[in-house]
Amino acid sequence: MKEVYLYTDGACRGNPGKGGWGAILVYGRYEKVMSGGERETTNNRMELLAAIEGLSALKEPCAVTLQSDSKYLVDAFNEGWIYS
């Protein structure tokens, strides 16, 4: 199985307010950089969207190491919230 690294970040000016997200997928020497934004959003939504978009870009099942500075996103996995 391919091992892929996914680096994500999201931000918002005001909460709610203008926001954006970014994701970088790394597989060996290959990188895919993605980004987007919304006019009226929240910081947590942008953090989650970065991970969702990055994972959605995968074309086949992979072992993914996801790195994020978002406690909300990290806790969703570490605390098992995504399985509820």
Protein backbone atom coordinates (compact mmCIF):
# COMPACT_ATOMS: atom_id res chain seq x y z
CA MET A 1 0.00 0.00 0.00
CA LYS A 2 1.30 3.47 -0.85
CA GLU A 3 2.34 5.67 2.06
CA VAL A 4 1.18 9.27 1.64
CA TYR A 5 1.71 12.32 3.84
CA LEU A 6 -1.02 14.96 4.03
CA TYR A 7 -0.24 18.37 5.52
CA THR A 8 -3.28 20.59 6.12
CA ASP A 9 -4.17 24.02 7.43
CA GLY A 10 -7.19 26.27 7.56
CA ALA A 11 -7.73 29.84 8.66
CA CYS A 12 -10.41 32.45 8.99
CA ARG A 13 -10.43 36.23 9.43
CA GLY A 14 -13.27 36.76 11.83
CA ASN A 15 -15.25 33.76 12.97
CA PRO A 16 -17.39 33.61 10.94
CA GLY A 17 -15.67 35.50 8.18
CA LYS A 18 -13.47 35.13 5.12
CA GLY A 19 -11.50 31.90 5.24
CA GLY A 20 -9.21 29.59 3.35
CA TRP A 21 -7.70 26.14 3.44
CA GLY A 22 -4.61 24.44 2.08
CA ALA A 23 -3.46 20.85 1.72
CA ILE A 24 -0.27 19.26 0.44
CA LEU A 25 -0.17 15.57 -0.48
CA VAL A 26 3.30 14.03 -0.62
CA TYR A 27 4.11 10.65 -2.12
CA GLY A 28 7.81 9.98 -2.56
CA ARG A 29 9.15 12.85 -4.67
CA TYR A 30 5.69 13.89 -5.87
CA GLU A 31 3.63 16.69 -4.34
CA LYS A 32 0.13 17.91 -4.99
CA VAL A 33 -0.77 21.35 -3.60
CA MET A 34 -4.43 22.30 -3.18
CA SER A 35 -6.21 25.32 -1.75
CA GLY A 36 -9.55 27.07 -1.65
CA GLY A 37 -11.66 29.47 0.33
CA GLU A 38 -15.08 30.74 1.32
CA ARG A 39 -16.51 34.20 1.84
CA GLU A 40 -18.40 33.39 5.03
CA THR A 41 -17.09 30.46 7.05
CA THR A 42 -15.48 29.41 10.32
CA ASN A 43 -11.95 28.40 11.22
CA ASN A 44 -12.95 24.85 12.18
CA ARG A 45 -14.78 24.41 8.88
CA MET A 46 -11.65 25.41 6.94
CA GLU A 47 -9.47 23.07 9.02
CA LEU A 48 -11.84 20.17 8.32
CA LEU A 49 -12.24 21.06 4.64
CA ALA A 50 -8.46 20.99 4.13
CA ALA A 51 -8.36 17.39 5.37
CA ILE A 52 -11.49 16.37 3.45
CA GLU A 53 -10.22 17.82 0.18
CA GLY A 54 -6.78 16.27 0.65
CA LEU A 55 -8.20 12.83 1.38
CA SER A 56 -10.70 13.16 -1.48
CA ALA A 57 -7.85 13.75 -3.92
CA LEU A 58 -6.48 10.23 -3.34
CA LYS A 59 -7.16 7.95 -6.30
CA GLU A 60 -6.72 4.65 -4.47
CA PRO A 61 -6.55 3.37 -0.89
CA CYS A 62 -3.36 4.57 0.83
CA ALA A 63 -1.79 4.61 4.27
CA VAL A 64 -2.07 8.31 5.15
CA THR A 65 -0.19 10.25 7.80
CA LEU A 66 -2.12 13.48 8.32
CA GLN A 67 -0.46 16.44 10.01
CA SER A 68 -2.51 19.39 11.24
CA ASP A 69 -2.20 22.15 13.82
CA SER A 70 -5.95 21.97 14.49
CA LYS A 71 -6.78 20.44 17.88
CA TYR A 72 -10.38 20.05 16.67
CA LEU A 73 -9.30 17.97 13.65
CA VAL A 74 -6.65 15.95 15.50
CA ASP A 75 -9.05 15.14 18.36
CA ALA A 76 -11.66 13.94 15.86
CA PHE A 77 -9.28 11.11 14.96
CA ASN A 78 -7.46 10.56 18.27
CA GLU A 79 -10.65 10.61 20.36
CA GLY A 80 -12.56 8.51 17.82
CA TRP A 81 -15.25 11.13 17.06
CA ILE A 82 -15.11 10.27 13.36
CA TYR A 83 -16.43 6.80 14.14
CA SER A 84 -19.56 8.04 15.95
